[in-house]
Amino acid sequence: MVGIDYQKNDIVLVKSVAGDAIPPIHVRLLERQIRPPSKGNRIDWPGYSGWIATPIYQKEIDILKKEWNIPFTKANKDLTFVFDNDILKEKEIGA
């Protein structure tokens, strides 16, 4: 979701970069990552931006692990990378 300024510790719903069949999960944003485009020897690498994040609900982790063999183990411990375009929405306060 481009155009929204997320902050560290925001809780957001994210989709998988692997496809829409994998259910979205809630993550806490931990650290912003921005990489500018760079020139390589044979190809030019595009830039990207996103967040280092951690899943926050054990129930969602258990589903991903059981049904999709995604190797998450523990809520608020595992780390993953979330591209800006994979953020679906920010969790509402009190939800």
C-alpha atoms as a PDB file:
ATOM      1  CA  MET A   1       0.000   0.000   0.000  1.00  0.00           C
ATOM      2  CA  VAL A   2       1.991   2.940  -1.283  1.00  0.00           C
ATOM      3  CA  GLY A   3       1.463   6.415   0.123  1.00  0.00           C
ATOM      4  CA  ILE A   4       1.067   5.530   3.797  1.00  0.00           C
ATOM      5  CA  ASP A   5       3.912   6.342   6.142  1.00  0.00           C
ATOM      6  CA  TYR A   6       4.332   3.371   8.428  1.00  0.00           C
ATOM      7  CA  GLN A   7       6.343   3.662  11.619  1.00  0.00           C
ATOM      8  CA  LYS A   8       8.438   1.252  13.624  1.00  0.00           C
ATOM      9  CA  ASN A   9       6.224  -1.075  15.741  1.00  0.00           C
ATOM     10  CA  ASP A  10       3.133  -0.589  13.544  1.00  0.00           C
ATOM     11  CA  ILE A  11       1.096  -3.774  13.172  1.00  0.00           C
ATOM     12  CA  VAL A  12       0.060  -4.442   9.573  1.00  0.00           C
ATOM     13  CA  LEU A  13      -1.597  -7.172   7.525  1.00  0.00           C
ATOM     14  CA  VAL A  14       0.700  -8.472   4.786  1.00  0.00           C
ATOM     15  CA  LYS A  15       0.325 -10.797   1.837  1.00  0.00           C
ATOM     16  CA  SER A  16       2.908 -13.340   0.753  1.00  0.00           C
ATOM     17  CA  VAL A  17       5.220 -12.498  -2.106  1.00  0.00           C
ATOM     18  CA  ALA A  18       4.851 -16.188  -3.089  1.00  0.00           C
ATOM     19  CA  GLY A  19       1.226 -15.758  -4.141  1.00  0.00           C
ATOM     20  CA  ASP A  20      -2.354 -15.118  -3.130  1.00  0.00           C
ATOM     21  CA  ALA A  21      -3.038 -18.747  -2.141  1.00  0.00           C
ATOM     22  CA  ILE A  22      -1.007 -18.247   1.046  1.00  0.00           C
ATOM     23  CA  PRO A  23      -3.143 -16.439   3.623  1.00  0.00           C
ATOM     24  CA  PRO A  24      -2.130 -12.957   4.808  1.00  0.00           C
ATOM     25  CA  ILE A  25      -0.669 -12.561   8.306  1.00  0.00           C
ATOM     26  CA  HIS A  26      -0.213  -9.779  10.831  1.00  0.00           C
ATOM     27  CA  VAL A  27       3.332  -8.582  11.479  1.00  0.00           C
ATOM     28  CA  ARG A  28       5.016  -5.907  13.587  1.00  0.00           C
ATOM     29  CA  LEU A  29       7.318  -3.628  11.571  1.00  0.00           C
ATOM     30  CA  LEU A  30      10.770  -3.494  13.160  1.00  0.00           C
ATOM     31  CA  GLU A  31      13.303  -1.821  10.867  1.00  0.00           C
ATOM     32  CA  ARG A  32      12.944   0.095   7.591  1.00  0.00           C
ATOM     33  CA  GLN A  33      15.117  -1.075   4.684  1.00  0.00           C
ATOM     34  CA  ILE A  34      15.675   0.971   1.508  1.00  0.00           C
ATOM     35  CA  ARG A  35      18.074  -0.120  -1.219  1.00  0.00           C
ATOM     36  CA  PRO A  36      18.656   2.144  -4.222  1.00  0.00           C
ATOM     37  CA  PRO A  37      19.133   0.671  -7.703  1.00  0.00           C
ATOM     38  CA  SER A  38      22.699  -0.427  -8.402  1.00  0.00           C
ATOM     39  CA  LYS A  39      24.718  -1.106 -11.518  1.00  0.00           C
ATOM     40  CA  GLY A  40      26.116  -4.605 -11.875  1.00  0.00           C
ATOM     41  CA  ASN A  41      28.664  -6.106 -14.229  1.00  0.00           C
ATOM     42  CA  ARG A  42      26.098  -7.767 -16.470  1.00  0.00           C
ATOM     43  CA  ILE A  43      22.726  -6.475 -15.282  1.00  0.00           C
ATOM     44  CA  ASP A  44      21.415  -3.487 -13.396  1.00  0.00           C
ATOM     45  CA  TRP A  45      19.737  -4.366 -10.096  1.00  0.00           C
ATOM     46  CA  PRO A  46      16.470  -2.607  -9.251  1.00  0.00           C
ATOM     47  CA  GLY A  47      16.090  -0.927  -5.915  1.00  0.00           C
ATOM     48  CA  TYR A  48      13.585  -2.025  -3.315  1.00  0.00           C
ATOM     49  CA  SER A  49      12.082  -0.884  -0.051  1.00  0.00           C
ATOM     50  CA  GLY A  50      10.346  -2.628   2.799  1.00  0.00           C
ATOM     51  CA  TRP A  51      10.592  -3.674   6.417  1.00  0.00           C
ATOM     52  CA  ILE A  52      12.202  -6.280   8.615  1.00  0.00           C
ATOM     53  CA  ALA A  53       9.166  -7.615  10.489  1.00  0.00           C
ATOM     54  CA  THR A  54       8.053 -10.308  12.911  1.00  0.00           C
ATOM     55  CA  PRO A  55       4.795 -12.290  12.849  1.00  0.00           C
ATOM     56  CA  ILE A  56       2.730 -11.543  15.946  1.00  0.00           C
ATOM     57  CA  TYR A  57       0.022 -14.220  16.153  1.00  0.00           C
ATOM     58  CA  GLN A  58       0.995 -17.810  16.931  1.00  0.00           C
ATOM     59  CA  LYS A  59      -2.261 -19.104  15.387  1.00  0.00           C
ATOM     60  CA  GLU A  60      -1.309 -17.602  11.996  1.00  0.00           C
ATOM     61  CA  ILE A  61       2.217 -19.026  12.280  1.00  0.00           C
ATOM     62  CA  ASP A  62       0.843 -22.500  13.037  1.00  0.00           C
ATOM     63  CA  ILE A  63      -1.372 -22.395   9.913  1.00  0.00           C
ATOM     64  CA  LEU A  64       1.523 -21.301   7.674  1.00  0.00           C
ATOM     65  CA  LYS A  65       3.768 -23.983   9.127  1.00  0.00           C
ATOM     66  CA  LYS A  66       1.209 -26.810   8.918  1.00  0.00           C
ATOM     67  CA  GLU A  67      -0.455 -26.071   5.584  1.00  0.00           C
ATOM     68  CA  TRP A  68       2.356 -24.363   3.659  1.00  0.00           C
ATOM     69  CA  ASN A  69       5.566 -25.649   5.311  1.00  0.00           C
ATOM     70  CA  ILE A  70       6.739 -22.096   5.952  1.00  0.00           C
ATOM     71  CA  PRO A  71       9.416 -22.391   8.646  1.00  0.00           C
ATOM     72  CA  PHE A  72       8.105 -19.852  11.164  1.00  0.00           C
ATOM     73  CA  THR A  73       8.227 -21.137  14.739  1.00  0.00           C
ATOM     74  CA  LYS A  74       7.410 -18.492  17.333  1.00  0.00           C
ATOM     75  CA  ALA A  75       5.419 -15.268  17.414  1.00  0.00           C
ATOM     76  CA  ASN A  76       7.513 -12.142  18.029  1.00  0.00           C
ATOM     77  CA  LYS A  77      10.758 -14.128  17.538  1.00  0.00           C
ATOM     78  CA  ASP A  78      10.959 -15.055  13.845  1.00  0.00           C
ATOM     79  CA  LEU A  79      12.023 -12.389  11.366  1.00  0.00           C
ATOM     80  CA  THR A  80      10.911 -11.882   7.783  1.00  0.00           C
ATOM     81  CA  PHE A  81      11.177  -9.213   5.106  1.00  0.00           C
ATOM     82  CA  VAL A  82       8.047  -7.423   3.871  1.00  0.00           C
ATOM     83  CA  PHE A  83       8.122  -5.376   0.666  1.00  0.00           C
ATOM     84  CA  ASP A  84       6.144  -2.132   0.796  1.00  0.00           C
ATOM     85  CA  ASN A  85       3.798  -3.387  -1.938  1.00  0.00           C
ATOM     86  CA  ASP A  86       2.912  -6.488   0.134  1.00  0.00           C
ATOM     87  CA  ILE A  87       1.416  -4.451   2.980  1.00  0.00           C
ATOM     88  CA  LEU A  88      -2.352  -4.712   2.682  1.00  0.00           C
ATOM     89  CA  LYS A  89      -3.487  -2.514   5.561  1.00  0.00           C
ATOM     90  CA  GLU A  90      -2.622  -1.224   8.992  1.00  0.00           C
ATOM     91  CA  LYS A  91      -4.314  -2.877  11.949  1.00  0.00           C
ATOM     92  CA  GLU A  92      -6.957  -0.701  13.532  1.00  0.00           C
ATOM     93  CA  ILE A  93      -6.327   0.493  17.076  1.00  0.00           C
ATOM     94  CA  GLY A  94      -8.127  -1.748  19.550  1.00  0.00           C
ATOM     95  CA  ALA A  95      -8.808  -4.472  16.986  1.00  0.00           C
END
